[in-house]
Protein backbone atom coordinates (compact mmCIF):
# COMPACT_ATOMS: atom_id res chain seq x y z
CA MET A 1 -49.34 -39.78 -57.21
CA PHE A 2 -47.98 -37.73 -54.31
CA ASN A 3 -49.94 -38.44 -51.13
CA PHE A 4 -50.02 -35.05 -49.37
CA GLU A 5 -51.93 -36.44 -46.38
CA LYS A 6 -49.30 -39.08 -45.68
CA TYR A 7 -46.47 -36.63 -46.21
CA SER A 8 -47.87 -33.96 -43.88
CA ARG A 9 -48.59 -36.56 -41.21
CA ALA A 10 -45.13 -38.09 -41.42
CA LYS A 11 -42.98 -34.99 -41.99
CA LYS A 12 -40.43 -34.33 -39.24
CA THR A 13 -38.37 -31.49 -37.83
CA CYS A 14 -35.05 -32.04 -36.10
CA THR A 15 -31.79 -30.67 -34.72
CA THR A 16 -28.41 -31.97 -35.94
CA PHE A 17 -25.00 -31.86 -34.24
CA LEU A 18 -21.70 -32.88 -35.89
CA ALA A 19 -18.12 -33.03 -34.61
CA GLY A 20 -14.81 -33.87 -36.29
CA LYS A 21 -12.37 -36.35 -34.76
CA ASN A 22 -10.01 -33.71 -33.33
CA ALA A 23 -12.89 -31.83 -31.73
CA THR A 24 -14.02 -34.76 -29.57
CA LEU A 25 -12.73 -36.04 -26.27
CA ASP A 26 -11.64 -39.48 -27.49
CA GLY A 27 -10.89 -38.79 -31.17
CA SER A 28 -14.18 -40.22 -32.46
CA THR A 29 -16.24 -38.70 -35.21
CA LEU A 30 -19.77 -37.86 -34.09
CA ILE A 31 -22.97 -37.22 -36.02
CA ALA A 32 -26.11 -36.76 -33.95
CA ARG A 33 -29.73 -35.74 -34.42
CA ASN A 34 -32.94 -35.31 -32.53
CA GLU A 35 -35.57 -36.91 -34.74
CA ASP A 36 -38.57 -34.72 -34.03
CA GLY A 37 -42.14 -34.94 -35.23
CA GLY A 38 -45.45 -33.27 -34.50
CA GLU A 39 -47.16 -32.83 -31.16
CA GLU A 40 -48.53 -36.39 -31.28
CA PRO A 41 -46.19 -39.24 -30.28
CA ASN A 42 -44.75 -41.19 -33.21
CA PRO A 43 -43.20 -44.35 -31.70
CA GLN A 44 -39.83 -45.44 -33.01
CA ILE A 45 -38.02 -48.79 -33.01
CA PHE A 46 -34.39 -49.88 -33.23
CA LYS A 47 -33.50 -52.73 -35.55
CA VAL A 48 -30.76 -54.19 -37.72
CA ILE A 49 -31.41 -54.57 -41.44
CA LEU A 50 -29.63 -57.68 -42.68
CA PRO A 51 -28.63 -57.90 -46.37
CA ALA A 52 -31.35 -60.46 -47.06
CA ALA A 53 -33.99 -58.09 -45.69
CA GLN A 54 -32.88 -55.06 -47.73
CA PRO A 55 -35.28 -54.63 -50.67
CA ARG A 56 -33.88 -55.17 -54.16
CA HIS A 57 -36.71 -53.09 -55.59
CA TYR A 58 -37.80 -50.07 -53.58
CA ARG A 59 -41.16 -48.32 -53.76
CA SER A 60 -42.05 -45.20 -51.75
CA ALA A 61 -45.25 -45.31 -49.71
CA ILE A 62 -45.62 -41.54 -50.07
CA ASN A 63 -45.41 -40.94 -53.81
CA GLY A 64 -44.86 -44.31 -55.49
CA PHE A 65 -41.23 -43.55 -56.47
CA GLU A 66 -39.58 -46.79 -57.60
CA ILE A 67 -35.99 -47.85 -58.10
CA ASP A 68 -33.98 -51.06 -58.47
CA LEU A 69 -31.27 -51.16 -55.83
CA PRO A 70 -27.70 -52.52 -56.17
CA GLU A 71 -26.74 -56.07 -55.31
CA HIS A 72 -24.78 -56.99 -52.19
CA PRO A 73 -26.06 -54.44 -49.67
CA LEU A 74 -24.34 -54.07 -46.31
CA ARG A 75 -25.92 -54.76 -42.94
CA TYR A 76 -26.91 -51.62 -41.00
CA THR A 77 -28.69 -50.41 -37.87
CA SER A 78 -31.74 -48.18 -38.24
CA THR A 79 -34.42 -46.40 -36.22
CA PRO A 80 -37.60 -46.53 -38.32
CA ASP A 81 -41.16 -45.62 -37.37
CA ALA A 82 -43.05 -48.34 -35.52
CA ASN A 83 -45.95 -47.75 -37.92
CA ASP A 84 -44.61 -48.09 -41.47
CA GLN A 85 -47.81 -47.12 -43.33
CA ASP A 86 -46.15 -43.81 -44.33
CA GLY A 87 -42.87 -45.44 -45.37
CA ILE A 88 -39.75 -46.74 -43.66
CA TRP A 89 -38.20 -43.52 -42.31
CA ALA A 90 -35.03 -45.44 -41.32
CA ALA A 91 -33.64 -42.15 -39.95
CA ALA A 92 -30.09 -43.14 -39.00
CA GLY A 93 -27.67 -45.99 -38.69
CA ILE A 94 -24.18 -47.44 -38.92
CA ASN A 95 -23.37 -50.04 -41.56
CA SER A 96 -20.99 -53.01 -41.36
CA GLU A 97 -18.16 -50.91 -42.82
CA ASN A 98 -18.44 -48.46 -39.89
CA VAL A 99 -19.98 -45.72 -42.00
CA ALA A 100 -22.71 -43.70 -40.28
CA MET A 101 -25.54 -41.67 -41.74
CA THR A 102 -28.38 -39.55 -40.36
CA ALA A 103 -31.22 -38.36 -42.57
CA THR A 104 -32.70 -35.86 -42.50
CA GLU A 105 -32.65 -32.33 -41.09
CA THR A 106 -35.64 -30.55 -42.63
CA SER A 107 -34.35 -27.22 -43.93
CA THR A 108 -35.57 -23.93 -45.38
CA THR A 109 -35.32 -22.58 -48.90
CA ASN A 110 -36.69 -19.61 -50.85
CA ASP A 111 -38.94 -18.81 -53.79
CA ARG A 112 -36.07 -17.80 -56.07
CA VAL A 113 -34.57 -21.27 -55.89
CA LEU A 114 -37.86 -23.13 -56.22
CA THR A 115 -38.79 -21.06 -59.26
CA ALA A 116 -35.52 -21.99 -60.95
CA ASP A 117 -35.51 -25.65 -59.84
CA PRO A 118 -38.92 -26.72 -58.46
CA PHE A 119 -39.39 -29.65 -56.13
CA VAL A 120 -40.04 -32.99 -57.84
CA LEU A 121 -43.16 -34.65 -56.44
CA THR A 122 -42.11 -37.98 -57.92
CA GLY A 123 -38.62 -37.81 -56.38
CA ILE A 124 -37.07 -39.02 -53.11
CA GLY A 125 -37.46 -37.66 -49.58
CA GLU A 126 -36.62 -38.24 -45.94
CA ALA A 127 -38.69 -41.42 -45.77
CA ASP A 128 -36.47 -43.03 -48.42
CA ILE A 129 -32.96 -41.62 -48.19
CA THR A 130 -31.29 -43.78 -45.51
CA THR A 131 -32.61 -46.99 -47.08
CA LEU A 132 -31.41 -45.95 -50.54
CA VAL A 133 -27.91 -44.90 -49.47
CA LEU A 134 -26.51 -46.38 -46.24
CA PRO A 135 -26.35 -50.08 -47.33
CA TYR A 136 -24.21 -49.19 -50.38
CA ILE A 137 -21.41 -46.95 -49.10
CA ARG A 138 -17.98 -47.64 -47.64
CA SER A 139 -16.97 -44.12 -46.67
CA ALA A 140 -18.62 -40.85 -45.76
CA ARG A 141 -17.51 -39.32 -49.06
CA GLU A 142 -19.09 -42.22 -50.95
CA GLY A 143 -22.34 -41.44 -49.14
CA VAL A 144 -22.28 -37.88 -50.41
CA ILE A 145 -21.58 -39.02 -53.95
CA ARG A 146 -24.31 -41.69 -54.01
CA LEU A 147 -26.94 -39.38 -52.57
CA GLY A 148 -25.86 -36.59 -54.93
CA GLU A 149 -26.35 -38.90 -57.91
CA LEU A 150 -29.83 -39.88 -56.71
CA LEU A 151 -30.81 -36.24 -56.26
CA THR A 152 -29.48 -35.29 -59.69
CA ASN A 153 -31.18 -38.20 -61.44
CA PHE A 154 -34.52 -38.37 -59.62
CA GLY A 155 -34.96 -35.12 -57.71
CA THR A 156 -36.53 -34.51 -54.30
CA TYR A 157 -39.86 -33.15 -53.07
CA GLU A 158 -38.43 -31.37 -50.01
CA SER A 159 -35.44 -29.47 -48.64
CA ASN A 160 -33.15 -31.45 -46.33
CA GLY A 161 -29.72 -31.76 -44.71
CA ILE A 162 -28.00 -35.15 -44.41
CA ALA A 163 -24.81 -36.11 -42.52
CA PHE A 164 -22.29 -38.90 -43.08
CA SER A 165 -19.27 -40.04 -41.10
CA ASP A 166 -16.54 -42.67 -40.97
CA ARG A 167 -13.45 -42.97 -38.76
CA ASP A 168 -11.79 -39.97 -40.34
CA GLU A 169 -14.35 -37.69 -41.95
CA VAL A 170 -17.69 -35.99 -41.29
CA TRP A 171 -19.69 -34.58 -44.22
CA TYR A 172 -22.88 -32.52 -44.37
CA LEU A 173 -24.99 -32.37 -47.56
CA GLU A 174 -27.90 -30.02 -48.21
CA THR A 175 -30.41 -30.42 -50.99
CA ILE A 176 -31.09 -27.39 -53.20
CA GLY A 177 -34.40 -27.09 -54.99
CA GLY A 178 -35.53 -30.17 -56.84
CA HIS A 179 -32.27 -31.52 -58.28
CA HIS A 180 -29.26 -29.64 -56.90
CA TRP A 181 -27.11 -30.20 -53.82
CA ALA A 182 -23.93 -29.13 -52.04
CA ALA A 183 -21.81 -30.84 -49.38
CA ILE A 184 -18.87 -29.88 -47.21
CA ARG A 185 -16.44 -31.86 -45.09
CA ILE A 186 -16.48 -30.62 -41.51
CA PRO A 187 -12.92 -29.69 -40.39
CA ASP A 188 -11.47 -32.25 -38.00
CA ASP A 189 -11.23 -29.71 -35.18
CA ALA A 190 -14.69 -28.19 -35.68
CA TYR A 191 -18.31 -28.81 -34.78
CA VAL A 192 -21.65 -27.91 -36.38
CA ILE A 193 -25.07 -27.20 -34.94
CA ALA A 194 -27.77 -27.37 -37.64
CA PRO A 195 -31.41 -26.42 -36.93
CA ASN A 196 -34.25 -26.45 -39.50
CA ARG A 197 -32.79 -23.85 -41.85
CA PHE A 198 -30.40 -24.00 -44.77
CA ASN A 199 -27.16 -24.14 -42.79
CA ILE A 200 -24.03 -24.13 -44.98
CA ASP A 201 -22.74 -20.58 -45.37
CA LEU A 202 -19.45 -19.70 -47.12
CA PHE A 203 -18.65 -22.30 -49.78
CA ASP A 204 -15.66 -22.81 -52.08
CA LEU A 205 -16.84 -24.73 -55.13
CA HIS A 206 -13.29 -25.72 -56.03
CA ALA A 207 -11.95 -26.79 -52.62
CA PRO A 208 -10.98 -30.45 -52.07
CA ASP A 209 -13.32 -30.65 -49.07
CA THR A 210 -16.47 -29.65 -50.94
CA LEU A 211 -18.69 -31.54 -53.38
CA SER A 212 -21.73 -30.28 -55.27
CA SER A 213 -23.89 -30.56 -58.35
CA SER A 214 -21.66 -30.24 -61.41
CA ASP A 215 -23.64 -27.23 -62.67
CA LEU A 216 -24.17 -25.46 -59.34
CA GLU A 217 -22.16 -22.34 -60.16
CA ASP A 218 -23.83 -21.99 -63.56
CA PHE A 219 -27.24 -22.60 -61.98
CA VAL A 220 -26.67 -19.73 -59.53
CA ASN A 221 -25.32 -17.35 -62.15
CA MET A 222 -27.87 -18.07 -64.88
CA ASN A 223 -30.77 -17.55 -62.48
CA ASN A 224 -29.32 -14.51 -60.67
CA LEU A 225 -29.63 -16.22 -57.29
CA ASN A 226 -26.68 -14.73 -55.40
CA PRO A 227 -27.64 -11.59 -53.43
CA ASP A 228 -24.07 -10.95 -52.17
CA LEU A 229 -21.65 -8.64 -53.96
CA THR A 230 -18.59 -10.89 -53.67
CA ALA A 231 -19.20 -13.85 -51.35
CA PHE A 232 -20.61 -17.26 -52.31
CA ASN A 233 -22.74 -17.93 -49.22
CA LEU A 234 -25.08 -20.86 -49.73
CA ARG A 235 -27.38 -19.85 -46.88
CA HIS A 236 -27.88 -16.42 -48.47
CA ILE A 237 -28.36 -17.94 -51.92
CA PHE A 238 -30.55 -20.94 -51.17
CA GLY A 239 -31.92 -20.41 -47.66
CA SER A 240 -34.27 -18.11 -45.81
CA ALA A 241 -34.02 -15.20 -43.37
CA THR A 242 -37.52 -14.92 -41.97
CA ILE A 243 -39.16 -13.91 -38.71
CA LYS A 244 -39.86 -17.60 -38.12
CA ASP A 245 -36.11 -18.31 -38.37
CA THR A 246 -35.47 -15.81 -35.57
CA GLN A 247 -37.81 -17.72 -33.25
CA TYR A 248 -37.62 -21.30 -34.50
CA ASN A 249 -34.15 -21.89 -35.91
CA ASN A 250 -31.47 -19.36 -35.08
CA PRO A 251 -31.93 -19.51 -31.28
CA ARG A 252 -31.08 -23.22 -31.21
CA ALA A 253 -27.77 -22.55 -32.94
CA TRP A 254 -27.17 -19.58 -30.64
CA PHE A 255 -27.64 -21.62 -27.47
CA VAL A 256 -25.20 -24.35 -28.55
CA GLN A 257 -22.60 -21.81 -29.68
CA LYS A 258 -23.14 -19.87 -26.46
CA SER A 259 -22.43 -23.06 -24.51
CA LEU A 260 -19.34 -24.22 -26.45
CA ASN A 261 -17.55 -21.32 -28.10
CA ALA A 262 -14.80 -19.26 -26.48
CA GLU A 263 -16.43 -16.14 -27.93
CA PRO A 264 -20.16 -16.89 -27.77
CA PRO A 265 -22.64 -15.01 -29.97
CA LEU A 266 -24.81 -12.40 -28.31
CA ASP A 267 -28.03 -12.37 -30.33
CA PRO A 268 -30.26 -15.49 -30.47
CA THR A 269 -32.09 -14.06 -33.50
CA ASP A 270 -28.94 -13.50 -35.61
CA GLN A 271 -29.48 -14.73 -39.19
CA ASP A 272 -25.74 -15.16 -39.81
CA LEU A 273 -24.61 -17.38 -36.96
CA PRO A 274 -21.65 -19.38 -38.31
CA PHE A 275 -22.02 -22.90 -39.70
CA ILE A 276 -18.49 -24.08 -38.81
CA ASN A 277 -17.64 -23.59 -35.13
CA TYR A 278 -14.73 -24.30 -32.79
CA ALA A 279 -15.33 -25.28 -29.18
CA GLN A 280 -13.15 -24.03 -26.35
CA GLN A 281 -12.65 -27.60 -25.09
CA LYS A 282 -12.98 -31.18 -26.34
CA ILE A 283 -16.56 -32.35 -26.82
CA SER A 284 -17.85 -35.47 -25.05
CA ILE A 285 -20.88 -37.67 -25.66
CA GLN A 286 -22.38 -36.26 -22.48
CA ASP A 287 -21.91 -32.71 -23.80
CA VAL A 288 -23.82 -33.58 -26.96
CA LYS A 289 -26.63 -35.24 -24.99
CA TRP A 290 -26.96 -32.20 -22.73
CA LEU A 291 -27.11 -29.86 -25.71
CA LEU A 292 -29.68 -31.99 -27.53
CA SER A 293 -31.78 -31.98 -24.35
CA SER A 294 -31.44 -28.25 -23.77
CA HIS A 295 -34.31 -25.83 -23.28
CA TYR A 296 -32.38 -22.57 -22.76
CA GLN A 297 -31.36 -23.38 -19.20
CA ASN A 298 -30.09 -20.40 -17.23
CA THR A 299 -31.66 -17.93 -19.66
CA VAL A 300 -34.93 -16.01 -19.65
CA PHE A 301 -36.16 -18.21 -22.52
CA ASP A 302 -36.35 -21.43 -20.45
CA PRO A 303 -40.04 -22.51 -20.51
CA TYR A 304 -39.66 -23.82 -16.95
CA THR A 305 -39.17 -20.28 -15.58
CA ASP A 306 -41.54 -17.40 -14.87
CA HIS A 307 -39.86 -14.84 -17.15
CA ASP A 308 -42.01 -13.04 -19.70
CA GLU A 309 -39.83 -14.45 -22.49
CA ALA A 310 -40.14 -18.04 -21.22
CA GLY A 311 -41.12 -20.43 -24.02
CA SER A 312 -40.92 -17.75 -26.72
CA LEU A 313 -38.14 -19.58 -28.62
CA ARG A 314 -38.18 -23.11 -30.01
CA SER A 315 -35.88 -25.21 -27.82
CA ILE A 316 -33.85 -28.27 -28.83
CA GLY A 317 -35.27 -30.60 -26.19
CA LEU A 318 -39.08 -30.64 -26.33
CA ASN A 319 -42.15 -32.85 -26.56
CA ARG A 320 -41.59 -33.39 -30.30
CA ASN A 321 -38.41 -35.46 -29.69
CA GLN A 322 -39.26 -38.98 -30.92
CA GLU A 323 -35.78 -40.49 -30.76
CA THR A 324 -32.24 -39.19 -30.42
CA HIS A 325 -29.11 -40.81 -31.75
CA ILE A 326 -25.41 -40.09 -31.57
CA LEU A 327 -23.52 -42.16 -34.14
CA GLN A 328 -19.97 -42.56 -32.90
CA ILE A 329 -17.18 -44.06 -35.00
CA ARG A 330 -14.18 -44.73 -32.78
CA SER A 331 -10.58 -45.03 -33.94
CA ASN A 332 -8.94 -46.33 -30.76
CA VAL A 333 -10.55 -49.79 -30.76
CA PRO A 334 -10.71 -52.77 -33.16
CA SER A 335 -13.05 -52.24 -36.11
CA GLU A 336 -15.59 -54.70 -34.65
CA LEU A 337 -16.04 -52.30 -31.72
CA ALA A 338 -15.76 -49.00 -33.57
CA GLY A 339 -19.41 -48.21 -34.27
CA ILE A 340 -21.59 -47.14 -31.34
CA HIS A 341 -25.24 -46.30 -32.01
CA TRP A 342 -26.16 -44.26 -28.93
CA LEU A 343 -29.96 -44.18 -28.68
CA ALA A 344 -32.73 -42.66 -26.56
CA PHE A 345 -36.48 -42.60 -27.13
CA GLY A 346 -38.90 -39.78 -26.31
CA PRO A 347 -38.43 -36.19 -25.07
CA ASN A 348 -34.76 -35.63 -24.32
CA PRO A 349 -34.97 -33.80 -20.98
CA PHE A 350 -36.51 -37.01 -19.54
CA ASN A 351 -34.38 -39.82 -21.03
CA GLU A 352 -30.81 -41.04 -21.30
CA LEU A 353 -28.72 -42.51 -24.11
CA VAL A 354 -27.66 -46.17 -24.29
CA PRO A 355 -24.39 -46.95 -26.14
CA PHE A 356 -25.42 -49.89 -28.33
CA TYR A 357 -22.72 -51.66 -30.34
CA ALA A 358 -23.58 -51.47 -34.05
CA ASN A 359 -21.65 -54.52 -35.29
CA VAL A 360 -24.50 -56.95 -34.51
CA ASN A 361 -27.23 -58.85 -36.33
CA ASP A 362 -30.05 -58.05 -33.91
CA THR A 363 -31.22 -55.50 -31.33
CA PRO A 364 -32.70 -55.93 -27.83
CA THR A 365 -36.35 -57.00 -27.90
CA ALA A 366 -37.57 -54.07 -25.82
CA TYR A 367 -36.29 -51.67 -28.50
CA GLN A 368 -37.67 -53.41 -31.58
CA THR A 369 -41.23 -54.23 -30.55
CA THR A 370 -42.66 -50.76 -29.89
CA SER A 371 -46.40 -50.59 -30.51
CA PRO A 372 -47.81 -47.63 -32.45
CA GLU A 373 -50.49 -47.54 -29.74
CA PHE A 374 -49.91 -46.85 -26.04
CA ASP A 375 -48.18 -49.84 -24.45
CA THR A 376 -46.63 -50.01 -20.98
CA ASN A 377 -44.29 -52.79 -22.17
CA SER A 378 -42.55 -50.38 -24.54
CA ILE A 379 -39.45 -48.32 -23.68
CA TYR A 380 -40.74 -45.55 -25.93
CA TRP A 381 -44.08 -45.27 -24.13
CA LEU A 382 -42.50 -45.56 -20.68
CA VAL A 383 -40.35 -42.51 -21.45
CA ARG A 384 -43.42 -40.68 -22.77
CA MET A 385 -45.21 -41.30 -19.47
CA ILE A 386 -42.21 -40.03 -17.52
CA ALA A 387 -42.09 -36.91 -19.69
CA VAL A 388 -45.79 -36.14 -19.18
CA ILE A 389 -45.47 -36.40 -15.39
CA GLY A 390 -42.06 -34.73 -15.22
CA ASP A 391 -43.10 -31.80 -17.39
CA ALA A 392 -46.07 -31.01 -15.14
CA ASP A 393 -43.75 -29.97 -12.28
CA PHE A 394 -40.25 -29.96 -13.74
CA LYS A 395 -38.49 -28.35 -10.77
CA ARG A 396 -39.95 -30.90 -8.37
CA TYR A 397 -39.04 -33.94 -10.45
CA GLN A 398 -35.77 -32.80 -12.02
CA PRO A 399 -33.56 -34.25 -9.23
CA LEU A 400 -35.13 -37.70 -9.70
CA ILE A 401 -34.64 -37.52 -13.46
CA GLU A 402 -31.01 -36.41 -13.13
CA THR A 403 -30.29 -39.26 -10.70
CA PHE A 404 -31.91 -41.70 -13.13
CA ALA A 405 -29.75 -40.42 -16.01
CA GLU A 406 -26.53 -40.66 -14.00
CA LYS A 407 -27.39 -44.16 -12.80
CA ASN A 408 -27.89 -45.32 -16.38
CA ARG A 409 -24.71 -43.68 -17.62
CA LEU A 410 -22.55 -45.29 -14.93
CA ALA A 411 -24.05 -48.74 -15.43
CA THR A 412 -23.99 -48.81 -19.24
CA LEU A 413 -20.54 -47.23 -19.50
CA ALA A 414 -19.20 -49.88 -17.11
CA ILE A 415 -20.53 -52.57 -19.46
CA GLN A 416 -19.05 -50.76 -22.43
CA LYS A 417 -15.65 -50.47 -20.78
CA ALA A 418 -15.59 -54.19 -19.99
CA THR A 419 -16.82 -55.11 -23.46
CA ASP A 420 -14.16 -52.98 -25.12
CA GLN A 421 -11.50 -55.20 -23.53
CA TYR A 422 -12.78 -58.29 -25.35
CA ARG A 423 -10.37 -59.77 -27.90
CA GLY A 424 -11.94 -63.19 -28.54
CA ASN A 425 -13.30 -64.74 -31.71
CA GLN A 426 -17.04 -64.51 -30.98
CA TYR A 427 -17.39 -60.76 -31.25
CA GLU A 428 -21.00 -60.72 -32.39
CA GLN A 429 -22.29 -62.88 -29.53
CA HIS A 430 -20.29 -60.83 -27.03
CA LEU A 431 -21.71 -57.56 -28.36
CA LEU A 432 -25.26 -58.93 -28.41
CA GLN A 433 -24.91 -59.85 -24.75
CA ALA A 434 -23.57 -56.40 -23.89
CA ASN A 435 -26.42 -54.69 -25.76
CA ALA A 436 -29.00 -56.90 -24.05
CA ALA A 437 -27.52 -56.17 -20.62
CA MET A 438 -27.56 -52.41 -21.24
CA ALA A 439 -31.14 -52.51 -22.52
CA GLU A 440 -32.26 -54.46 -19.44
CA ILE A 441 -30.59 -51.95 -17.12
CA TYR A 442 -32.23 -49.05 -18.91
CA GLU A 443 -35.68 -50.63 -18.85
CA THR A 444 -35.38 -51.51 -15.16
CA ASN A 445 -34.24 -48.00 -14.23
CA THR A 446 -36.95 -46.44 -16.40
CA ARG A 447 -39.69 -48.43 -14.68
CA SER A 448 -38.21 -47.54 -11.30
CA LEU A 449 -38.19 -43.83 -12.17
CA LEU A 450 -41.79 -43.98 -13.37
CA GLY A 451 -42.83 -45.56 -10.09
CA LYS A 452 -41.06 -42.86 -8.08
CA LEU A 453 -42.69 -40.10 -10.12
CA VAL A 454 -46.16 -41.62 -9.69
CA ARG A 455 -45.71 -41.98 -5.94
CA GLN A 456 -44.40 -38.44 -5.51
CA ALA A 457 -47.00 -36.97 -7.86
CA SER A 458 -49.78 -38.77 -5.96
CA ALA A 459 -48.65 -37.21 -2.69
CA ASN A 460 -48.73 -33.75 -4.27
CA MET A 461 -52.01 -33.86 -6.15
CA THR A 462 -54.24 -30.80 -5.99
CA LEU A 463 -57.13 -33.09 -5.02
CA ARG A 464 -55.89 -33.83 -1.48
CA PHE A 465 -56.73 -32.82 2.09
CA SER A 466 -54.45 -32.28 5.07
CA LEU A 467 -56.60 -33.99 7.73
CA ASP A 468 -56.89 -37.77 8.18
CA ASP A 469 -59.68 -39.81 9.80
């Protein structure tokens, strides 16, 4: 039976960013997502799922959905919830074949679609999808096909977007109603910003770079779902165009396109902002991190300003950020070094990414032992404390936070550069050591930043007096 209480407590909202190999600075494919939740912290962990630990029979904690899984699963990284009472929620990872997956981007739909193909309460959802797909695919396209088959056969109880990548391709799939789906390969020279709406717009059912339910065209025609006179626009057919979208979804896409495009859009409320976009320069990891941390800087909508419009639009970086990942598959290094699982915990304006190598059998202890309850030994909770203090007087503490971020970037990238030169036989041990060194640097710098914030905040408390004894 569907457990509505567990589902509503665990349900997440996110922001996704994708980039093809010719759109990025070093020729990597990138798929990235802020995994967001509710206002309450939901601690995350970082772990590697070895083949022996992958279940052969899967049962959902939310609705009891059960399925026997294939033999011979692949190893993969994942970022599940620290508290697994509501399911695994593996969220994202890179498998041993250097295929990456992030799941999911909660999306919108409309009554017309759900009347024609209702949600399936006994089907699959975000809590299940990564676990059911990532260990069994050897290319991004295979990921689309496997997930499409699961949706067709078992259905889903929610509307989601899911991304896949390998060295050459990036794909984005969106679920449609209970059983239908559509996916598109992102052009190599393009990027995508996907907030919590149905995102794919113009769609050619017969193009080599699209995949979909076999009956999708008939489903649309038989149920009179297409409102356009000539176009086949999936967002118009299957999505929404509500007042909430103009405040919650569209502005996030607008800000990213405003930052990257040569001809930026003018209206943050526009319902038809394009899905496929082309940046005016190559996109770096640091660009993606800045965008996923953004809160409408240098606009009247920035909540850290005094403008009347401040905080009126849902920003990308906010207190709901639980973890952020950029899954990078590189083509200019040996395959053992190709997969980089960039990871940060907590609200994005107050953290920094660490470039963990994915071709390993374990993760640093500080990232896999997060307590669901407040714990000062946890990276996740340390970042949460920094965010609470930093948010209280953002302008005062921003320089300290920026210095912290730069210090981490320089130190971890230096380790990555040295590690990339390795050509020995003990790759796994070498990568484990590099990951451990980067995790230690990040933890040390995080504790140092927290101490600086506490000292400075103490000196500027309201409860103080200017005279001494």
